[in-house]
Every structure is written in structure tokens, then in C-alpha cells.
Protein backbone atom coordinates (compact mmCIF):
# COMPACT_ATOMS: atom_id res chain seq x y z
CA UNK A 1 175.45 57.68 67.38
CA UNK A 2 178.11 56.15 69.55
CA UNK A 3 180.13 58.72 71.47
CA UNK A 4 177.98 61.65 70.37
CA UNK A 5 177.57 64.46 72.85
CA UNK A 6 173.97 65.58 73.15
CA UNK A 7 173.51 69.14 74.36
CA UNK A 8 170.53 69.55 76.65
CA UNK A 9 168.51 72.73 76.54
CA UNK A 10 168.30 74.63 79.81
CA UNK A 11 165.42 76.79 81.01
CA UNK A 12 166.84 80.30 81.31
CA UNK A 13 165.49 83.51 82.84
CA UNK A 14 166.94 86.96 82.17
CA UNK A 15 166.17 90.36 83.63
CA UNK A 16 166.22 93.24 81.14
CA UNK A 17 166.17 96.91 82.04
CA UNK A 18 166.53 100.23 80.23
CA UNK A 19 166.49 103.84 81.44
CA UNK A 20 167.91 105.75 78.46
CA UNK A 21 166.38 106.56 75.09
CA UNK A 22 163.27 104.73 73.91
CA UNK A 23 163.16 102.23 76.76
CA UNK A 24 160.34 100.17 75.24
CA UNK A 25 162.17 99.85 71.91
CA UNK A 26 165.41 99.01 73.75
CA UNK A 27 163.78 96.10 75.58
CA UNK A 28 162.01 94.87 72.45
CA UNK A 29 165.25 95.15 70.45
CA UNK A 30 167.21 93.15 73.03
CA UNK A 31 164.53 90.44 73.10
CA UNK A 32 164.58 90.28 69.29
CA UNK A 33 168.39 90.11 69.22
CA UNK A 34 168.37 87.23 71.70
CA UNK A 35 165.61 85.43 69.78
CA UNK A 36 167.61 85.37 66.53
CA UNK A 37 170.37 83.08 67.85
CA UNK A 38 170.01 79.39 66.94
CA UNK A 39 171.01 78.36 70.49
CA UNK A 40 167.94 80.15 71.92
CA UNK A 41 164.37 78.90 71.42
CA UNK A 42 160.88 79.31 72.85
CA UNK A 43 161.32 82.92 73.94
CA UNK A 44 158.60 84.38 76.20
CA UNK A 45 158.56 87.84 77.74
CA UNK A 46 156.67 89.15 80.74
CA UNK A 47 154.94 92.51 80.59
CA UNK A 48 157.07 95.64 80.92
CA UNK A 49 157.17 97.35 84.33
CA UNK A 50 158.17 100.87 85.40
CA UNK A 51 160.45 101.24 88.43
CA UNK A 52 162.53 103.95 90.03
CA UNK A 53 166.30 103.72 90.20
CA UNK A 54 167.24 102.10 93.52
CA UNK A 55 170.85 103.30 93.88
CA UNK A 56 172.52 106.49 95.02
CA UNK A 57 172.02 109.64 92.99
CA UNK A 58 169.39 110.61 90.45
CA UNK A 59 168.63 108.59 87.32
CA UNK A 60 165.68 108.26 84.95
CA UNK A 61 163.11 105.56 85.77
CA UNK A 62 163.69 102.07 84.43
CA UNK A 63 161.51 99.94 82.24
CA UNK A 64 162.03 96.26 83.16
CA UNK A 65 160.95 92.81 82.11
CA UNK A 66 161.92 89.17 82.53
CA UNK A 67 162.44 86.86 79.57
CA UNK A 68 162.24 83.06 79.63
CA UNK A 69 163.60 80.71 76.96
CA UNK A 70 165.40 77.45 76.31
CA UNK A 71 169.09 77.46 75.43
CA UNK A 72 171.79 74.95 74.56
CA UNK A 73 174.53 77.51 75.29
CA UNK A 74 176.88 76.88 78.20
CA UNK A 75 176.48 79.62 80.86
CA UNK A 76 179.79 81.40 80.12
CA UNK A 77 179.21 81.30 76.35
CA UNK A 78 175.75 82.69 76.96
CA UNK A 79 177.17 85.47 79.15
CA UNK A 80 179.48 86.41 76.24
CA UNK A 81 176.45 86.50 73.92
CA UNK A 82 174.58 88.79 76.32
CA UNK A 83 177.55 91.17 76.44
CA UNK A 84 177.57 91.27 72.61
CA UNK A 85 173.85 92.11 72.53
CA UNK A 86 174.34 94.86 75.13
CA UNK A 87 177.25 96.36 73.15
CA UNK A 88 175.29 96.15 69.90
CA UNK A 89 172.57 98.18 71.64
CA UNK A 90 174.95 100.90 72.82
CA UNK A 91 176.15 99.74 76.23
CA UNK A 92 179.88 100.43 76.66
CA UNK A 93 182.14 97.37 76.84
CA UNK A 94 183.15 98.44 80.35
CA UNK A 95 180.27 97.05 82.48
CA UNK A 96 180.31 99.89 85.01
CA UNK A 97 177.61 99.41 87.63
CA UNK A 98 174.96 101.94 88.62
CA UNK A 99 175.05 104.17 85.56
CA UNK A 100 172.14 104.96 83.22
CA UNK A 101 172.02 102.59 80.25
CA UNK A 102 170.13 101.79 77.09
CA UNK A 103 170.07 98.12 78.07
CA UNK A 104 171.10 95.99 81.03
CA UNK A 105 170.74 92.21 80.81
CA UNK A 106 171.29 89.99 83.84
CA UNK A 107 171.13 86.21 84.01
CA UNK A 108 168.69 85.39 86.79
CA UNK A 109 168.71 81.59 86.52
CA UNK A 110 170.29 79.15 84.09
CA UNK A 111 168.64 75.75 84.49
CA UNK A 112 169.64 74.36 87.86
CA UNK A 113 173.12 75.92 87.67
CA UNK A 114 174.67 77.43 90.76
CA UNK A 115 177.89 79.29 89.88
CA UNK A 116 180.03 81.83 91.66
CA UNK A 117 183.06 83.22 89.85
CA UNK A 118 184.59 86.68 89.54
CA UNK A 119 182.79 87.07 86.20
CA UNK A 120 179.46 85.33 86.67
CA UNK A 121 177.18 84.49 89.59
CA UNK A 122 174.08 82.33 88.96
CA UNK A 123 171.43 82.63 90.25
CA UNK A 124 171.68 86.40 90.36
CA UNK A 125 172.80 87.35 93.89
CA UNK A 126 170.17 90.09 94.38
CA UNK A 127 167.20 88.26 92.88
CA UNK A 128 165.39 87.98 96.23
CA UNK A 129 165.66 91.72 96.94
CA UNK A 130 164.29 93.24 93.73
CA UNK A 131 160.56 93.56 93.14
CA UNK A 132 161.25 94.90 89.64
CA UNK A 133 162.65 91.43 88.89
CA UNK A 134 160.33 89.27 90.99
CA UNK A 135 157.06 90.75 89.70
CA UNK A 136 157.70 90.02 85.99
CA UNK A 137 159.43 86.72 86.91
CA UNK A 138 156.28 85.75 88.84
CA UNK A 139 154.18 86.59 85.76
CA UNK A 140 156.10 83.98 83.75
CA UNK A 141 156.92 81.27 86.30
CA UNK A 142 155.51 81.70 89.82
CA UNK A 143 156.30 78.09 90.78
CA UNK A 144 159.89 78.09 89.47
CA UNK A 145 162.27 77.02 92.26
CA UNK A 146 165.39 79.20 92.43
CA UNK A 147 168.45 76.90 92.45
CA UNK A 148 170.55 77.16 95.58
CA UNK A 149 167.79 79.02 97.42
CA UNK A 150 165.27 76.19 97.00
CA UNK A 151 162.32 78.57 97.18
CA UNK A 152 159.74 79.50 94.53
CA UNK A 153 159.54 82.86 92.80
CA UNK A 154 156.09 83.30 94.36
CA UNK A 155 157.43 82.78 97.88
CA UNK A 156 160.35 85.15 97.25
CA UNK A 157 157.93 87.82 96.06
CA UNK A 158 155.81 87.43 99.21
CA UNK A 159 158.79 87.92 101.53
CA UNK A 160 160.65 90.55 99.46
CA UNK A 161 161.57 93.58 101.58
CA UNK A 162 161.85 95.91 98.56
CA UNK A 163 159.30 98.67 99.25
CA UNK A 164 159.61 100.34 95.84
CA UNK A 165 156.59 100.90 93.61
CA UNK A 166 156.47 98.79 90.46
CA UNK A 167 153.82 99.72 87.87
CA UNK A 168 152.80 97.68 84.84
CA UNK A 169 153.68 99.64 81.71
CA UNK A 170 151.06 100.34 79.07
CA UNK A 171 151.11 102.30 75.82
CA UNK A 172 149.06 104.99 77.53
CA UNK A 173 151.73 105.43 80.24
CA UNK A 174 154.51 106.16 77.73
CA UNK A 175 156.08 109.56 78.09
């Protein structure tokens, strides 16, 4: 077609975390909700990993994973979709940081996009400092080069200063 705009699919990585309710079901539900949208294809999830809350105060442990897929969304439209999934799963519309939550979804990388706005920063600004992100990310794509940083996930994991303990989740470890 002459003048047709062809949307290219981007390789996208998300971090998902949950520390309220049935954390395993929350992660699985979020992955399923993302997978049902026609703009999202080829969804793959890393294993689930247990991690302690890293901020101030006391919170329940998190269950985390990284999800990879292809998407023809634009980054801001995709961010809106993520917010809808989070709200559908019980996260308040106000995206208050550092509070317990049923689901938290962060865009780690969106193709080769490098964005910095008041609303959205891609790649995620703390990606290099979080083992609970880098370990499942490494499981899916160790050789992926983080845009803007120009370093692989594997190399980031090797130099990560996060000293927290991250444990692969199994059905036997469920509480």
C-alpha cells in the first residue's frame, strides 16, 4: 500500500512484583492480563523469585519476575495499558511509591527506546541496582544490551552492588 504506516513490534521487558495477597496468583494474573491484548505477542516469563523489601520500614517479602514480549504499542500507550492492568488487579490509581501492593509493573526496556519524562523513564532508572530484576532478566535474555547504558544484562548482574538475597520460588516454598 502506498502511504501505509507499518507499525514495528518492539522487544519489551517488564518487571512484575507482588507482596500482598496470593503473590503467585497476582503475578500470573498480571501476565495473563497482558497476554490478552492484541498489541502484545510472544509472551515469555522468567521464573518467580523471592526478595525482601529494600526500602525503609517493614513490608512483606516480594515475589518478582521479568516478562518479555513483542508489542506494537507506543511506549506511552503501553504505560497506560500497564496502569489499567494494575488498577484491575487492585492497585490504587495513585501510584504511591514504597507501599505494599498486589501488583507493581515497571517497564524495564522498550526496544531501543531511551525516554526521560516526568511520567515515564525508559530504560528503568534503577535497573542496574536491583538483583531482583537482573536475575530473572538474565534468565530470559542475558545478552540483551540495555539501551543508553550499552551493557548486557549479564554484565550488569556481575557488577550489581545489591547485596540482597534472591531465591528462586518453588511450589514447595509457598507459605
